[in-house]
């Protein structure tokens, strides 16, 4: 099962920088939206797929599009 992470915001309000984090076992990811209107970056964390010891980590760096 893929674990595409869209993340959870950490309580920022309008006009403030938004940040997201994921902590899972030995894996951590962190993202900051800054002053952009929308967060376009995404990442995938799929750790120890089917207990094989194989993991998948991917970063999708968004630039002005959907």
PDB file of N, CA and C in Angstrom:
ATOM      1  N   UNK A   1       0.856  -1.181   0.000  1.00  0.00           N
ATOM      2  CA  UNK A   1       0.000   0.000   0.000  1.00  0.00           C
ATOM      3  C   UNK A   1       0.890   1.227   0.000  1.00  0.00           C
ATOM      4  N   UNK A   2       0.681   2.098  -0.962  1.00  0.00           N
ATOM      5  CA  UNK A   2       1.453   3.332  -1.059  1.00  0.00           C
ATOM      6  C   UNK A   2       1.025   4.295   0.036  1.00  0.00           C
ATOM      7  N   UNK A   3       1.980   5.001   0.583  1.00  0.00           N
ATOM      8  CA  UNK A   3       1.685   5.975   1.625  1.00  0.00           C
ATOM      9  C   UNK A   3       2.031   7.364   1.109  1.00  0.00           C
ATOM     10  N   UNK A   4       1.246   7.873   0.170  1.00  0.00           N
ATOM     11  CA  UNK A   4       1.457   9.215  -0.351  1.00  0.00           C
ATOM     12  C   UNK A   4       1.104  10.200   0.742  1.00  0.00           C
ATOM     13  N   UNK A   5       2.035  11.040   1.089  1.00  0.00           N
ATOM     14  CA  UNK A   5       1.845  11.944   2.206  1.00  0.00           C
ATOM     15  C   UNK A   5       1.495  13.345   1.719  1.00  0.00           C
ATOM     16  N   UNK A   6       0.293  13.801   2.031  1.00  0.00           N
ATOM     17  CA  UNK A   6      -0.083  15.175   1.757  1.00  0.00           C
ATOM     18  C   UNK A   6       0.125  16.019   3.005  1.00  0.00           C
ATOM     19  N   UNK A   7       0.471  15.421   4.092  1.00  0.00           N
ATOM     20  CA  UNK A   7       0.892  16.056   5.317  1.00  0.00           C
ATOM     21  C   UNK A   7      -0.231  16.763   6.053  1.00  0.00           C
ATOM     22  N   UNK A   8       0.042  17.128   7.260  1.00  0.00           N
ATOM     23  CA  UNK A   8      -0.913  17.831   8.108  1.00  0.00           C
ATOM     24  C   UNK A   8      -0.273  19.139   8.527  1.00  0.00           C
ATOM     25  N   UNK A   9      -1.025  20.239   8.446  1.00  0.00           N
ATOM     26  CA  UNK A   9      -0.460  21.538   8.808  1.00  0.00           C
ATOM     27  C   UNK A   9      -0.264  21.624  10.309  1.00  0.00           C
ATOM     28  N   UNK A  10       0.659  22.461  10.700  1.00  0.00           N
ATOM     29  CA  UNK A  10       0.953  22.645  12.120  1.00  0.00           C
ATOM     30  C   UNK A  10       0.408  23.980  12.626  1.00  0.00           C
ATOM     31  N   UNK A  11      -0.890  24.224  12.427  1.00  0.00           N
ATOM     32  CA  UNK A  11      -1.593  25.319  13.091  1.00  0.00           C
ATOM     33  C   UNK A  11      -1.273  26.727  12.653  1.00  0.00           C
ATOM     34  N   UNK A  12      -0.822  26.968  11.450  1.00  0.00           N
ATOM     35  CA  UNK A  12      -0.570  28.333  11.000  1.00  0.00           C
ATOM     36  C   UNK A  12      -1.881  28.970  10.550  1.00  0.00           C
ATOM     37  N   UNK A  13      -1.946  30.289  10.622  1.00  0.00           N
ATOM     38  CA  UNK A  13      -3.126  31.011  10.160  1.00  0.00           C
ATOM     39  C   UNK A  13      -2.790  31.762   8.885  1.00  0.00           C
ATOM     40  N   UNK A  14      -3.779  32.393   8.274  1.00  0.00           N
ATOM     41  CA  UNK A  14      -3.591  33.101   7.006  1.00  0.00           C
ATOM     42  C   UNK A  14      -2.454  34.107   7.119  1.00  0.00           C
ATOM     43  N   UNK A  15      -1.589  34.129   6.117  1.00  0.00           N
ATOM     44  CA  UNK A  15      -0.463  35.055   6.091  1.00  0.00           C
ATOM     45  C   UNK A  15       0.786  34.524   6.769  1.00  0.00           C
ATOM     46  N   UNK A  16       0.664  33.469   7.532  1.00  0.00           N
ATOM     47  CA  UNK A  16       1.832  32.890   8.193  1.00  0.00           C
ATOM     48  C   UNK A  16       2.421  31.786   7.325  1.00  0.00           C
ATOM     49  N   UNK A  17       3.668  31.458   7.590  1.00  0.00           N
ATOM     50  CA  UNK A  17       4.288  30.323   6.912  1.00  0.00           C
ATOM     51  C   UNK A  17       3.657  29.037   7.432  1.00  0.00           C
ATOM     52  N   UNK A  18       3.375  28.119   6.514  1.00  0.00           N
ATOM     53  CA  UNK A  18       2.851  26.817   6.904  1.00  0.00           C
ATOM     54  C   UNK A  18       3.973  25.797   6.854  1.00  0.00           C
ATOM     55  N   UNK A  19       3.943  24.834   7.752  1.00  0.00           N
ATOM     56  CA  UNK A  19       4.933  23.764   7.707  1.00  0.00           C
ATOM     57  C   UNK A  19       4.252  22.445   8.008  1.00  0.00           C
ATOM     58  N   UNK A  20       4.864  21.390   7.500  1.00  0.00           N
ATOM     59  CA  UNK A  20       4.344  20.045   7.640  1.00  0.00           C
ATOM     60  C   UNK A  20       5.483  19.128   8.065  1.00  0.00           C
ATOM     61  N   UNK A  21       5.139  18.062   8.758  1.00  0.00           N
ATOM     62  CA  UNK A  21       6.171  17.084   9.096  1.00  0.00           C
ATOM     63  C   UNK A  21       5.575  15.682   9.181  1.00  0.00           C
ATOM     64  N   UNK A  22       6.430  14.721   8.924  1.00  0.00           N
ATOM     65  CA  UNK A  22       6.077  13.311   9.064  1.00  0.00           C
ATOM     66  C   UNK A  22       7.221  12.649   9.809  1.00  0.00           C
ATOM     67  N   UNK A  23       6.910  11.941  10.870  1.00  0.00           N
ATOM     68  CA  UNK A  23       7.895  11.145  11.594  1.00  0.00           C
ATOM     69  C   UNK A  23       7.335   9.739  11.675  1.00  0.00           C
ATOM     70  N   UNK A  24       8.081   8.792  11.119  1.00  0.00           N
ATOM     71  CA  UNK A  24       7.595   7.410  11.037  1.00  0.00           C
ATOM     72  C   UNK A  24       8.787   6.474  11.172  1.00  0.00           C
ATOM     73  N   UNK A  25       8.940   5.845  12.322  1.00  0.00           N
ATOM     74  CA  UNK A  25      10.078   4.945  12.529  1.00  0.00           C
ATOM     75  C   UNK A  25      11.395   5.689  12.383  1.00  0.00           C
ATOM     76  N   UNK A  26      12.233   5.241  11.439  1.00  0.00           N
ATOM     77  CA  UNK A  26      13.527   5.876  11.192  1.00  0.00           C
ATOM     78  C   UNK A  26      13.455   6.931  10.100  1.00  0.00           C
ATOM     79  N   UNK A  27      12.253   7.295   9.665  1.00  0.00           N
ATOM     80  CA  UNK A  27      12.065   8.215   8.547  1.00  0.00           C
ATOM     81  C   UNK A  27      11.436   9.510   9.047  1.00  0.00           C
ATOM     82  N   UNK A  28      11.919  10.629   8.529  1.00  0.00           N
ATOM     83  CA  UNK A  28      11.299  11.919   8.827  1.00  0.00           C
ATOM     84  C   UNK A  28      11.339  12.782   7.575  1.00  0.00           C
ATOM     85  N   UNK A  29      10.306  13.582   7.394  1.00  0.00           N
ATOM     86  CA  UNK A  29      10.252  14.530   6.287  1.00  0.00           C
ATOM     87  C   UNK A  29       9.658  15.826   6.816  1.00  0.00           C
ATOM     88  N   UNK A  30      10.086  16.939   6.241  1.00  0.00           N
ATOM     89  CA  UNK A  30       9.645  18.248   6.699  1.00  0.00           C
ATOM     90  C   UNK A  30       9.496  19.151   5.490  1.00  0.00           C
ATOM     91  N   UNK A  31       8.466  19.971   5.458  1.00  0.00           N
ATOM     92  CA  UNK A  31       8.241  20.881   4.339  1.00  0.00           C
ATOM     93  C   UNK A  31       7.745  22.218   4.864  1.00  0.00           C
ATOM     94  N   UNK A  32       8.155  23.298   4.193  1.00  0.00           N
ATOM     95  CA  UNK A  32       7.709  24.644   4.533  1.00  0.00           C
ATOM     96  C   UNK A  32       7.103  25.274   3.291  1.00  0.00           C
ATOM     97  N   UNK A  33       5.890  25.776   3.411  1.00  0.00           N
ATOM     98  CA  UNK A  33       5.224  26.420   2.278  1.00  0.00           C
ATOM     99  C   UNK A  33       5.742  27.835   2.063  1.00  0.00           C
ATOM    100  N   UNK A  34       6.146  28.495   3.096  1.00  0.00           N
ATOM    101  CA  UNK A  34       6.575  29.882   2.961  1.00  0.00           C
ATOM    102  C   UNK A  34       5.384  30.770   2.660  1.00  0.00           C
ATOM    103  N   UNK A  35       5.577  31.746   1.772  1.00  0.00           N
ATOM    104  CA  UNK A  35       4.518  32.705   1.475  1.00  0.00           C
ATOM    105  C   UNK A  35       3.785  32.388   0.183  1.00  0.00           C
ATOM    106  N   UNK A  36       4.013  31.218  -0.385  1.00  0.00           N
ATOM    107  CA  UNK A  36       3.284  30.817  -1.595  1.00  0.00           C
ATOM    108  C   UNK A  36       1.822  30.552  -1.239  1.00  0.00           C
ATOM    109  N   UNK A  37       0.899  30.765  -2.197  1.00  0.00           N
ATOM    110  CA  UNK A  37      -0.519  30.555  -1.890  1.00  0.00           C
ATOM    111  C   UNK A  37      -0.893  29.085  -1.686  1.00  0.00           C
ATOM    112  N   UNK A  38      -0.161  28.167  -2.298  1.00  0.00           N
ATOM    113  CA  UNK A  38      -0.475  26.739  -2.183  1.00  0.00           C
ATOM    114  C   UNK A  38       0.805  25.923  -2.068  1.00  0.00           C
ATOM    115  N   UNK A  39       0.760  24.855  -1.296  1.00  0.00           N
ATOM    116  CA  UNK A  39       1.885  23.921  -1.235  1.00  0.00           C
ATOM    117  C   UNK A  39       1.767  22.970  -2.412  1.00  0.00           C
ATOM    118  N   UNK A  40       2.788  22.934  -3.253  1.00  0.00           N
ATOM    119  CA  UNK A  40       2.773  22.075  -4.432  1.00  0.00           C
ATOM    120  C   UNK A  40       3.735  20.907  -4.312  1.00  0.00           C
ATOM    121  N   UNK A  41       4.562  20.894  -3.284  1.00  0.00           N
ATOM    122  CA  UNK A  41       5.508  19.802  -3.088  1.00  0.00           C
ATOM    123  C   UNK A  41       4.791  18.614  -2.442  1.00  0.00           C
ATOM    124  N   UNK A  42       5.209  17.426  -2.819  1.00  0.00           N
ATOM    125  CA  UNK A  42       4.655  16.203  -2.247  1.00  0.00           C
ATOM    126  C   UNK A  42       5.793  15.211  -2.035  1.00  0.00           C
ATOM    127  N   UNK A  43       5.566  14.229  -1.192  1.00  0.00           N
ATOM    128  CA  UNK A  43       6.543  13.160  -1.059  1.00  0.00           C
ATOM    129  C   UNK A  43       5.848  11.847  -0.771  1.00  0.00           C
ATOM    130  N   UNK A  44       6.564  10.768  -1.050  1.00  0.00           N
ATOM    131  CA  UNK A  44       6.070   9.416  -0.797  1.00  0.00           C
ATOM    132  C   UNK A  44       7.039   8.739   0.165  1.00  0.00           C
ATOM    133  N   UNK A  45       6.504   8.113   1.190  1.00  0.00           N
ATOM    134  CA  UNK A  45       7.295   7.312   2.120  1.00  0.00           C
ATOM    135  C   UNK A  45       6.615   5.954   2.206  1.00  0.00           C
ATOM    136  N   UNK A  46       7.282   4.939   1.736  1.00  0.00           N
ATOM    137  CA  UNK A  46       6.764   3.575   1.835  1.00  0.00           C
ATOM    138  C   UNK A  46       7.908   2.730   2.391  1.00  0.00           C
ATOM    139  N   UNK A  47       7.905   2.567   3.692  1.00  0.00           N
ATOM    140  CA  UNK A  47       9.011   1.951   4.419  1.00  0.00           C
ATOM    141  C   UNK A  47       8.777   0.452   4.593  1.00  0.00           C
ATOM    142  N   UNK A  48       9.791  -0.342   4.293  1.00  0.00           N
ATOM    143  CA  UNK A  48       9.767  -1.800   4.490  1.00  0.00           C
ATOM    144  C   UNK A  48       8.544  -2.440   3.819  1.00  0.00           C
ATOM    145  N   UNK A  49       8.478  -2.314   2.514  1.00  0.00           N
ATOM    146  CA  UNK A  49       7.344  -2.783   1.718  1.00  0.00           C
ATOM    147  C   UNK A  49       7.151  -4.289   1.909  1.00  0.00           C
ATOM    148  N   UNK A  50       5.975  -4.669   2.365  1.00  0.00           N
ATOM    149  CA  UNK A  50       5.616  -6.081   2.593  1.00  0.00           C
ATOM    150  C   UNK A  50       6.665  -6.842   3.404  1.00  0.00           C
ATOM    151  N   UNK A  51       7.301  -6.156   4.360  1.00  0.00           N
ATOM    152  CA  UNK A  51       8.321  -6.756   5.233  1.00  0.00           C
ATOM    153  C   UNK A  51       9.488  -7.357   4.456  1.00  0.00           C
ATOM    154  N   UNK A  52       9.856  -6.722   3.327  1.00  0.00           N
ATOM    155  CA  UNK A  52      10.964  -7.214   2.505  1.00  0.00           C
ATOM    156  C   UNK A  52      12.279  -6.510   2.807  1.00  0.00           C
ATOM    157  N   UNK A  53      12.225  -5.424   3.580  1.00  0.00           N
ATOM    158  CA  UNK A  53      13.421  -4.624   3.808  1.00  0.00           C
ATOM    159  C   UNK A  53      13.639  -3.589   2.716  1.00  0.00           C
ATOM    160  N   UNK A  54      12.778  -3.589   1.703  1.00  0.00           N
ATOM    161  CA  UNK A  54      12.858  -2.625   0.601  1.00  0.00           C
ATOM    162  C   UNK A  54      11.963  -1.436   0.935  1.00  0.00           C
ATOM    163  N   UNK A  55      12.482  -0.226   0.718  1.00  0.00           N
ATOM    164  CA  UNK A  55      11.711   0.985   0.986  1.00  0.00           C
ATOM    165  C   UNK A  55      11.711   1.882  -0.239  1.00  0.00           C
ATOM    166  N   UNK A  56      10.690   2.719  -0.350  1.00  0.00           N
ATOM    167  CA  UNK A  56      10.582   3.679  -1.441  1.00  0.00           C
ATOM    168  C   UNK A  56      10.420   5.066  -0.845  1.00  0.00           C
ATOM    169  N   UNK A  57      11.273   5.980  -1.279  1.00  0.00           N
ATOM    170  CA  UNK A  57      11.196   7.371  -0.853  1.00  0.00           C
ATOM    171  C   UNK A  57      11.247   8.229  -2.107  1.00  0.00           C
ATOM    172  N   UNK A  58      10.323   9.171  -2.244  1.00  0.00           N
ATOM    173  CA  UNK A  58      10.291  10.031  -3.428  1.00  0.00           C
ATOM    174  C   UNK A  58       9.896  11.442  -3.027  1.00  0.00           C
ATOM    175  N   UNK A  59      10.479  12.423  -3.721  1.00  0.00           N
ATOM    176  CA  UNK A  59      10.150  13.832  -3.516  1.00  0.00           C
ATOM    177  C   UNK A  59       9.695  14.402  -4.842  1.00  0.00           C
ATOM    178  N   UNK A  60       8.551  15.085  -4.832  1.00  0.00           N
ATOM    179  CA  UNK A  60       8.017  15.735  -6.019  1.00  0.00           C
ATOM    180  C   UNK A  60       8.018  17.234  -5.742  1.00  0.00           C
ATOM    181  N   UNK A  61       8.930  17.939  -6.389  1.00  0.00           N
ATOM    182  CA  UNK A  61       9.142  19.359  -6.141  1.00  0.00           C
ATOM    183  C   UNK A  61       8.261  20.170  -7.087  1.00  0.00           C
ATOM    184  N   UNK A  62       7.134  20.678  -6.582  1.00  0.00           N
ATOM    185  CA  UNK A  62       6.175  21.409  -7.407  1.00  0.00           C
ATOM    186  C   UNK A  62       6.667  22.800  -7.762  1.00  0.00           C
ATOM    187  N   UNK A  63       6.367  23.221  -8.991  1.00  0.00           N
ATOM    188  CA  UNK A  63       6.763  24.555  -9.471  1.00  0.00           C
ATOM    189  C   UNK A  63       5.639  25.169 -10.285  1.00  0.00           C
ATOM    190  N   UNK A  64       4.747  25.918  -9.655  1.00  0.00           N
ATOM    191  CA  UNK A  64       3.751  26.704 -10.364  1.00  0.00           C
ATOM    192  C   UNK A  64       2.699  25.929 -11.117  1.00  0.00           C
ATOM    193  N   UNK A  65       2.409  24.714 -10.748  1.00  0.00           N
ATOM    194  CA  UNK A  65       1.379  23.937 -11.430  1.00  0.00           C
ATOM    195  C   UNK A  65       0.678  23.011 -10.474  1.00  0.00           C
ATOM    196  N   UNK A  66      -0.247  22.278 -10.980  1.00  0.00           N
ATOM    197  CA  UNK A  66      -0.990  21.323 -10.152  1.00  0.00           C
ATOM    198  C   UNK A  66      -0.280  19.986 -10.137  1.00  0.00           C
TER     199      UNK A  66
END
